[in-house]
Amino acid sequence: MSKQEDLNKLKQKISSELVCPLKDAATKMVFGKGNPDADILIIGEAPGANEDLQGIPFVGKAGKNLDSFLNLIGLTLDDVYIANILKYRPPKNRNPSKEEIINHTPYLVEQINIIQPKVILPLGKFATEFCLAHFDTTKIKTIAMGDVHGKIYKIEELTIIPMYHPAAMIYNQKLKTTLEEDFIKVGEFLKQK
């Protein structure tokens, strides 16, 4: 069975078994997009309004920003797979609750196990905290993105490189340079592989 077929089965599983108020309030599940055979997995926080309407992650302003950063280092959607911590949009784009993260992350772990990436780029605080907790919600510790962004972490065979979320620069233009620098570091790291 191909990775895409496994991902399709997982999407069906989430649709049929996840019990979560977000699911009832959402327009569509936002499962993931990109190349299931990619070596790079990008993990965002949660769908926004545009993503909820289309059922596809990173299609709004943050997605356009992400595309430009990927292009900066010669990557496209064909080179990566993109998923989120939460598969359904929190109302008014509020932060995910601890309970929501606990309910949704087992499915994200299944996605990771299917895709088997070599590099994970968690975008923003929630994705970074989950990844640096070795994908275990009981070990999540609060982190400051300023302390971890652009650094390389090894978790078994995986390389984790936390990044600011591209949406952050919509509100803080100063982060654009930081994001560009961090993506350039990612590009240099990938060239060494």
Protein backbone atom coordinates (compact mmCIF):
# COMPACT_ATOMS: atom_id res chain seq x y z
CA MET A 1 0.00 0.00 0.00
CA SER A 2 1.32 3.48 -0.86
CA LYS A 3 1.83 6.25 1.66
CA GLN A 4 -0.96 8.21 -0.01
CA GLU A 5 -3.35 5.28 0.47
CA ASP A 6 -2.31 5.05 4.13
CA LEU A 7 -2.91 8.79 4.53
CA ASN A 8 -6.34 8.46 2.90
CA LYS A 9 -7.23 5.70 5.39
CA LEU A 10 -6.05 7.87 8.28
CA LYS A 11 -8.15 10.78 7.04
CA GLN A 12 -11.20 8.47 7.01
CA LYS A 13 -10.32 7.27 10.50
CA ILE A 14 -10.19 10.84 11.83
CA SER A 15 -13.48 11.64 10.14
CA SER A 16 -15.22 8.64 11.68
CA GLU A 17 -13.70 8.45 15.17
CA LEU A 18 -12.47 11.86 16.38
CA VAL A 19 -14.87 13.33 18.91
CA CYS A 20 -14.17 17.02 19.31
CA PRO A 21 -16.33 20.18 19.48
CA LEU A 22 -14.05 21.75 16.85
CA LYS A 23 -15.18 19.11 14.37
CA ASP A 24 -18.84 20.10 14.79
CA ALA A 25 -18.09 23.82 14.38
CA ALA A 26 -15.72 23.48 11.40
CA THR A 27 -16.62 23.60 7.72
CA LYS A 28 -14.05 20.98 6.68
CA MET A 29 -11.28 18.83 8.06
CA VAL A 30 -7.84 20.18 7.15
CA PHE A 31 -5.77 17.03 6.88
CA GLY A 32 -2.61 17.87 4.96
CA LYS A 33 -1.10 18.56 1.54
CA GLY A 34 2.04 17.93 -0.42
CA ASN A 35 4.23 14.99 -1.26
CA PRO A 36 3.63 11.98 1.04
CA ASP A 37 7.09 10.67 0.08
CA ALA A 38 8.81 13.93 1.09
CA ASP A 39 11.78 13.97 3.45
CA ILE A 40 10.53 17.25 4.94
CA LEU A 41 7.38 17.57 7.04
CA ILE A 42 6.15 21.03 7.98
CA ILE A 43 3.81 21.15 10.98
CA GLY A 44 1.62 24.17 11.63
CA GLU A 45 -0.66 24.94 14.52
CA ALA A 46 -4.25 24.84 13.29
CA PRO A 47 -6.34 25.75 10.27
CA GLY A 48 -7.40 29.37 9.78
CA ALA A 49 -10.56 30.65 8.12
CA ASN A 50 -9.38 30.10 4.52
CA GLU A 51 -8.09 26.63 5.37
CA ASP A 52 -11.40 25.73 7.04
CA LEU A 53 -13.34 26.74 3.93
CA GLN A 54 -11.07 24.91 1.48
CA GLY A 55 -9.99 21.94 3.62
CA ILE A 56 -6.34 22.56 2.71
CA PRO A 57 -3.58 23.81 5.05
CA PHE A 58 -1.70 27.06 4.44
CA VAL A 59 -3.81 28.60 1.67
CA GLY A 60 -4.16 32.07 3.21
CA LYS A 61 -1.59 34.82 3.82
CA ALA A 62 0.56 32.58 6.01
CA GLY A 63 0.57 30.00 3.21
CA LYS A 64 1.76 32.57 0.68
CA ASN A 65 4.52 33.55 3.11
CA LEU A 66 5.47 29.90 3.59
CA ASP A 67 5.58 29.35 -0.18
CA SER A 68 7.95 32.30 -0.60
CA PHE A 69 10.27 31.00 2.14
CA LEU A 70 10.31 27.54 0.56
CA ASN A 71 11.04 29.10 -2.85
CA LEU A 72 13.88 31.07 -1.26
CA ILE A 73 15.70 27.77 -0.66
CA GLY A 74 14.63 26.11 -3.90
CA LEU A 75 11.76 24.02 -2.51
CA THR A 76 8.15 23.65 -3.61
CA LEU A 77 5.12 21.75 -2.40
CA ASP A 78 6.48 18.76 -4.34
CA ASP A 79 9.40 18.64 -1.87
CA VAL A 80 7.45 18.81 1.40
CA TYR A 81 4.35 17.60 3.18
CA ILE A 82 2.36 20.03 5.33
CA ALA A 83 0.07 19.15 8.24
CA ASN A 84 -1.20 20.82 11.41
CA ILE A 85 -1.39 19.95 15.10
CA LEU A 86 -5.20 20.38 14.91
CA LYS A 87 -7.22 19.03 12.01
CA TYR A 88 -10.13 21.43 12.61
CA ARG A 89 -10.18 25.21 13.05
CA PRO A 90 -10.53 26.68 16.54
CA PRO A 91 -13.20 29.43 16.60
CA LYS A 92 -11.86 32.91 15.85
CA ASN A 93 -8.36 31.44 15.33
CA ARG A 94 -7.84 31.16 19.07
CA ASN A 95 -4.94 29.11 20.41
CA PRO A 96 -5.47 25.35 20.69
CA SER A 97 -6.40 24.14 24.15
CA LYS A 98 -4.38 21.45 25.90
CA GLU A 99 -7.31 19.03 25.55
CA GLU A 100 -7.55 19.71 21.80
CA ILE A 101 -3.83 19.08 21.38
CA ILE A 102 -4.15 15.81 23.32
CA ASN A 103 -7.13 14.73 21.16
CA HIS A 104 -5.58 15.60 17.80
CA THR A 105 -1.88 14.77 18.11
CA PRO A 106 -2.23 10.96 17.99
CA TYR A 107 -3.41 11.45 14.39
CA LEU A 108 -0.48 13.74 13.66
CA VAL A 109 1.87 11.07 15.03
CA GLU A 110 0.22 8.58 12.66
CA GLN A 111 0.82 11.00 9.78
CA ILE A 112 4.47 11.29 10.80
CA ASN A 113 4.79 7.50 10.98
CA ILE A 114 3.30 7.12 7.49
CA ILE A 115 5.36 9.88 5.86
CA GLN A 116 8.60 8.98 7.69
CA PRO A 117 10.26 12.36 7.15
CA LYS A 118 13.92 12.97 7.89
CA VAL A 119 13.38 16.64 8.80
CA ILE A 120 10.46 18.26 10.60
CA LEU A 121 9.95 22.02 10.60
CA PRO A 122 7.48 22.86 13.36
CA LEU A 123 6.03 26.33 12.76
CA GLY A 124 5.26 28.31 15.88
CA LYS A 125 5.03 27.64 19.58
CA PHE A 126 2.47 24.83 19.76
CA ALA A 127 3.99 22.68 17.02
CA THR A 128 7.48 23.29 18.40
CA GLU A 129 6.52 22.39 21.97
CA PHE A 130 4.94 19.14 20.78
CA CYS A 131 7.91 18.15 18.63
CA LEU A 132 10.51 19.02 21.25
CA ALA A 133 8.51 16.96 23.79
CA HIS A 134 9.33 13.95 21.58
CA PHE A 135 5.71 13.93 20.33
CA ASP A 136 4.42 13.15 23.83
CA THR A 137 1.76 15.53 25.17
CA THR A 138 2.59 14.57 28.77
CA LYS A 139 6.11 15.99 28.30
CA ILE A 140 5.21 19.33 26.74
CA LYS A 141 7.04 22.24 28.32
CA THR A 142 6.48 25.91 27.61
CA ILE A 143 9.17 27.30 25.33
CA ALA A 144 10.03 30.73 24.00
CA MET A 145 10.38 30.71 20.22
CA GLY A 146 13.16 33.27 20.52
CA ASP A 147 15.25 30.63 22.30
CA VAL A 148 14.75 27.75 19.86
CA HIS A 149 13.99 29.06 16.36
CA GLY A 150 16.46 28.07 13.66
CA LYS A 151 18.30 25.62 15.94
CA ILE A 152 18.80 21.99 15.01
CA TYR A 153 17.55 19.28 17.36
CA LYS A 154 17.93 15.53 16.92
CA ILE A 155 15.23 13.16 18.13
CA GLU A 156 16.34 9.66 17.24
CA GLU A 157 16.60 9.62 13.43
CA LEU A 158 14.65 12.85 13.02
CA THR A 159 16.02 16.37 12.70
CA ILE A 160 13.74 19.04 14.15
CA ILE A 161 14.29 22.69 13.19
CA PRO A 162 11.76 24.98 14.91
CA MET A 163 10.67 28.06 13.00
CA TYR A 164 8.50 31.06 13.72
CA HIS A 165 5.07 30.64 12.17
CA PRO A 166 4.82 32.55 8.88
CA ALA A 167 1.61 34.17 10.18
CA ALA A 168 3.68 35.88 12.89
CA MET A 169 5.27 38.20 10.34
CA ILE A 170 1.84 39.43 9.28
CA TYR A 171 1.67 41.12 12.68
CA ASN A 172 5.39 41.71 13.18
CA GLN A 173 7.24 42.58 9.96
CA LYS A 174 10.57 42.42 11.82
CA LEU A 175 10.22 38.63 11.87
CA LYS A 176 10.46 38.44 8.07
CA THR A 177 14.25 38.76 8.19
CA THR A 178 14.47 36.17 10.98
CA LEU A 179 12.30 33.73 9.02
CA GLU A 180 14.37 34.26 5.87
CA GLU A 181 17.58 33.62 7.83
CA ASP A 182 16.14 30.51 9.44
CA PHE A 183 14.94 29.10 6.12
CA ILE A 184 18.37 29.77 4.61
CA LYS A 185 19.85 27.73 7.51
CA VAL A 186 17.40 24.94 6.65
CA GLY A 187 18.48 25.10 3.02
CA GLU A 188 22.15 24.88 4.01
CA PHE A 189 21.40 21.93 6.32
CA LEU A 190 19.55 20.11 3.53
CA LYS A 191 22.48 20.57 1.13
CA GLN A 192 24.72 18.72 3.62
CA LYS A 193 22.39 15.69 3.58
